[in-house]
Amino acid sequence: MNEKFKKPAQLGAGDFEHTNGVLLDHLIATQALLKKWQASAVLQDAGLYHAAYGTVGFDEHLVSIDQRNKISNIIGKAAEEIVYLYCACDRDYFWPQFSGPSELEFETVSRSTCFNSVSLS
């Protein structure tokens, strides 16, 4: 099995409860959904680690924000940057943008957020 798939379990993702089970299952399901939708490999890797630094509503995190380099070494800089943006996303600011005609500021974050929401349903 690829190291990037082993690492979330080693970091304890199987120990964190999540909406529909444990975080590890959710991370793997998110990556699988992105793959099914033919998202880029970078976005798939970001989906696998999208909650690494915690998110709004889930304060638990696999690594602290000062360990971004550790995640970057596993999934690459581009994917880690998406993970960082996703974890830092202010949902109270982000979601209202869908109701207006303005362009979303973080297209990749919006895709990841939507994929994550679908994988929870």
C-alpha atoms as a PDB file:
ATOM      1  CA  MET A   1       0.000   0.000   0.000  1.00  0.00           C
ATOM      2  CA  ASN A   2       1.217   3.494  -0.875  1.00  0.00           C
ATOM      3  CA  GLU A   3       2.787   5.429   2.024  1.00  0.00           C
ATOM      4  CA  LYS A   4       0.321   8.293   1.661  1.00  0.00           C
ATOM      5  CA  PHE A   5      -2.525   5.843   2.415  1.00  0.00           C
ATOM      6  CA  LYS A   6      -0.731   4.337   5.428  1.00  0.00           C
ATOM      7  CA  LYS A   7       0.204   7.630   7.065  1.00  0.00           C
ATOM      8  CA  PRO A   8      -3.288   8.859   8.122  1.00  0.00           C
ATOM      9  CA  ALA A   9      -3.756   5.633  10.096  1.00  0.00           C
ATOM     10  CA  GLN A  10      -0.281   5.998  11.610  1.00  0.00           C
ATOM     11  CA  LEU A  11      -1.167   9.567  12.603  1.00  0.00           C
ATOM     12  CA  GLY A  12      -4.262   8.286  14.418  1.00  0.00           C
ATOM     13  CA  ALA A  13      -7.078   9.032  11.952  1.00  0.00           C
ATOM     14  CA  GLY A  14      -8.714   5.751  12.944  1.00  0.00           C
ATOM     15  CA  ASP A  15      -8.990   7.015  16.528  1.00  0.00           C
ATOM     16  CA  PHE A  16     -11.021  10.149  15.752  1.00  0.00           C
ATOM     17  CA  GLU A  17     -14.783   9.914  15.600  1.00  0.00           C
ATOM     18  CA  HIS A  18     -16.393  11.525  12.590  1.00  0.00           C
ATOM     19  CA  THR A  19     -19.939  12.164  11.423  1.00  0.00           C
ATOM     20  CA  ASN A  20     -20.462   8.691   9.933  1.00  0.00           C
ATOM     21  CA  GLY A  21     -17.837   6.639  11.748  1.00  0.00           C
ATOM     22  CA  VAL A  22     -14.144   7.343  12.104  1.00  0.00           C
ATOM     23  CA  LEU A  23     -12.084  10.000  10.368  1.00  0.00           C
ATOM     24  CA  LEU A  24      -9.882   7.480   8.560  1.00  0.00           C
ATOM     25  CA  ASP A  25     -12.877   5.975   6.746  1.00  0.00           C
ATOM     26  CA  HIS A  26     -14.075   9.455   5.805  1.00  0.00           C
ATOM     27  CA  LEU A  27     -10.654  10.489   4.442  1.00  0.00           C
ATOM     28  CA  ILE A  28     -10.393   7.343   2.323  1.00  0.00           C
ATOM     29  CA  ALA A  29     -13.985   7.755   1.077  1.00  0.00           C
ATOM     30  CA  THR A  30     -13.302  11.377   0.125  1.00  0.00           C
ATOM     31  CA  GLN A  31     -10.208  10.377  -1.865  1.00  0.00           C
ATOM     32  CA  ALA A  32     -12.140   7.546  -3.547  1.00  0.00           C
ATOM     33  CA  LEU A  33     -14.968   9.895  -4.520  1.00  0.00           C
ATOM     34  CA  LEU A  34     -12.515  12.393  -5.988  1.00  0.00           C
ATOM     35  CA  LYS A  35     -10.910   9.563  -7.963  1.00  0.00           C
ATOM     36  CA  LYS A  36     -14.315   8.398  -9.224  1.00  0.00           C
ATOM     37  CA  TRP A  37     -15.024  11.964 -10.359  1.00  0.00           C
ATOM     38  CA  GLN A  38     -11.652  11.942 -12.173  1.00  0.00           C
ATOM     39  CA  ALA A  39     -10.171  14.743 -10.097  1.00  0.00           C
ATOM     40  CA  SER A  40      -6.458  15.344 -10.504  1.00  0.00           C
ATOM     41  CA  ALA A  41      -4.029  13.253  -8.467  1.00  0.00           C
ATOM     42  CA  VAL A  42      -3.153  16.414  -6.527  1.00  0.00           C
ATOM     43  CA  LEU A  43      -6.779  16.979  -5.505  1.00  0.00           C
ATOM     44  CA  GLN A  44      -7.195  13.279  -4.654  1.00  0.00           C
ATOM     45  CA  ASP A  45      -4.167  13.474  -2.347  1.00  0.00           C
ATOM     46  CA  ALA A  46      -5.551  16.646  -0.782  1.00  0.00           C
ATOM     47  CA  GLY A  47      -8.868  14.863  -0.221  1.00  0.00           C
ATOM     48  CA  LEU A  48      -7.079  12.064   1.607  1.00  0.00           C
ATOM     49  CA  TYR A  49      -5.541  14.582   4.024  1.00  0.00           C
ATOM     50  CA  HIS A  50      -8.173  17.325   3.984  1.00  0.00           C
ATOM     51  CA  ALA A  51      -8.703  17.287   7.752  1.00  0.00           C
ATOM     52  CA  ALA A  52      -5.046  16.934   8.760  1.00  0.00           C
ATOM     53  CA  TYR A  53      -4.983  20.279  10.593  1.00  0.00           C
ATOM     54  CA  GLY A  54      -8.563  20.151  11.851  1.00  0.00           C
ATOM     55  CA  THR A  55     -11.571  21.925  10.373  1.00  0.00           C
ATOM     56  CA  VAL A  56     -14.498  24.010  11.511  1.00  0.00           C
ATOM     57  CA  GLY A  57     -16.698  21.696  13.544  1.00  0.00           C
ATOM     58  CA  PHE A  58     -13.916  19.154  14.112  1.00  0.00           C
ATOM     59  CA  ASP A  59     -11.228  20.520  16.401  1.00  0.00           C
ATOM     60  CA  GLU A  60      -9.274  17.276  16.438  1.00  0.00           C
ATOM     61  CA  HIS A  61      -6.287  17.226  14.114  1.00  0.00           C
ATOM     62  CA  LEU A  62      -3.743  14.660  12.966  1.00  0.00           C
ATOM     63  CA  VAL A  63      -0.832  17.103  13.055  1.00  0.00           C
ATOM     64  CA  SER A  64      -0.412  20.669  14.204  1.00  0.00           C
ATOM     65  CA  ILE A  65      -0.278  23.475  11.688  1.00  0.00           C
ATOM     66  CA  ASP A  66       3.436  23.940  12.340  1.00  0.00           C
ATOM     67  CA  GLN A  67       4.011  20.496  10.783  1.00  0.00           C
ATOM     68  CA  ARG A  68       2.881  21.468   7.292  1.00  0.00           C
ATOM     69  CA  ASN A  69       6.246  20.356   5.923  1.00  0.00           C
ATOM     70  CA  LYS A  70       5.607  16.821   7.219  1.00  0.00           C
ATOM     71  CA  ILE A  71       2.358  16.567   5.236  1.00  0.00           C
ATOM     72  CA  SER A  72       3.967  18.247   2.218  1.00  0.00           C
ATOM     73  CA  ASN A  73       6.687  15.585   2.214  1.00  0.00           C
ATOM     74  CA  ILE A  74       4.005  12.878   2.033  1.00  0.00           C
ATOM     75  CA  ILE A  75       1.552  14.297  -0.526  1.00  0.00           C
ATOM     76  CA  GLY A  76       3.492  17.077  -2.219  1.00  0.00           C
ATOM     77  CA  LYS A  77       3.481  20.845  -1.920  1.00  0.00           C
ATOM     78  CA  ALA A  78       0.497  21.533  -4.198  1.00  0.00           C
ATOM     79  CA  ALA A  79      -1.763  19.036  -2.413  1.00  0.00           C
ATOM     80  CA  GLU A  80      -0.635  20.259   1.013  1.00  0.00           C
ATOM     81  CA  GLU A  81      -1.473  23.848   0.059  1.00  0.00           C
ATOM     82  CA  ILE A  82      -5.024  22.729  -0.777  1.00  0.00           C
ATOM     83  CA  VAL A  83      -5.229  20.911   2.576  1.00  0.00           C
ATOM     84  CA  TYR A  84      -4.054  24.036   4.391  1.00  0.00           C
ATOM     85  CA  LEU A  85      -6.612  26.236   2.607  1.00  0.00           C
ATOM     86  CA  TYR A  86      -9.372  23.733   3.272  1.00  0.00           C
ATOM     87  CA  CYS A  87      -8.556  23.493   6.968  1.00  0.00           C
ATOM     88  CA  ALA A  88      -8.280  27.274   7.259  1.00  0.00           C
ATOM     89  CA  CYS A  89     -11.498  27.896   5.322  1.00  0.00           C
ATOM     90  CA  ASP A  90     -14.038  30.106   7.074  1.00  0.00           C
ATOM     91  CA  ARG A  91     -17.269  28.313   6.171  1.00  0.00           C
ATOM     92  CA  ASP A  92     -19.373  31.276   7.355  1.00  0.00           C
ATOM     93  CA  TYR A  93     -17.667  33.369   4.665  1.00  0.00           C
ATOM     94  CA  PHE A  94     -17.299  30.654   2.046  1.00  0.00           C
ATOM     95  CA  TRP A  95     -20.812  29.205   1.711  1.00  0.00           C
ATOM     96  CA  PRO A  96     -22.664  32.513   1.168  1.00  0.00           C
ATOM     97  CA  GLN A  97     -20.571  33.020  -1.980  1.00  0.00           C
ATOM     98  CA  PHE A  98     -22.633  30.323  -3.701  1.00  0.00           C
ATOM     99  CA  SER A  99     -25.742  32.498  -3.638  1.00  0.00           C
ATOM    100  CA  GLY A 100     -24.160  35.456  -5.421  1.00  0.00           C
ATOM    101  CA  PRO A 101     -22.839  36.018  -8.933  1.00  0.00           C
ATOM    102  CA  SER A 102     -19.267  36.685  -7.793  1.00  0.00           C
ATOM    103  CA  GLU A 103     -16.477  34.263  -8.607  1.00  0.00           C
ATOM    104  CA  LEU A 104     -15.350  32.021  -5.743  1.00  0.00           C
ATOM    105  CA  GLU A 105     -12.026  33.059  -4.316  1.00  0.00           C
ATOM    106  CA  PHE A 106     -10.646  29.554  -3.841  1.00  0.00           C
ATOM    107  CA  GLU A 107     -11.895  27.341  -6.663  1.00  0.00           C
ATOM    108  CA  THR A 108      -9.937  24.312  -5.500  1.00  0.00           C
ATOM    109  CA  VAL A 109     -11.098  24.772  -1.910  1.00  0.00           C
ATOM    110  CA  SER A 110     -14.675  25.024  -3.128  1.00  0.00           C
ATOM    111  CA  ARG A 111     -14.355  21.748  -5.029  1.00  0.00           C
ATOM    112  CA  SER A 112     -12.799  20.033  -2.042  1.00  0.00           C
ATOM    113  CA  THR A 113     -15.500  21.408   0.268  1.00  0.00           C
ATOM    114  CA  CYS A 114     -18.250  20.201  -2.053  1.00  0.00           C
ATOM    115  CA  PHE A 115     -16.660  16.757  -2.420  1.00  0.00           C
ATOM    116  CA  ASN A 116     -16.322  16.514   1.347  1.00  0.00           C
ATOM    117  CA  SER A 117     -19.971  17.454   1.842  1.00  0.00           C
ATOM    118  CA  VAL A 118     -21.096  14.842  -0.687  1.00  0.00           C
ATOM    119  CA  SER A 119     -18.963  12.160   0.942  1.00  0.00           C
ATOM    120  CA  LEU A 120     -20.691  12.847   4.279  1.00  0.00           C
ATOM    121  CA  SER A 121     -24.142  12.238   2.845  1.00  0.00           C
END
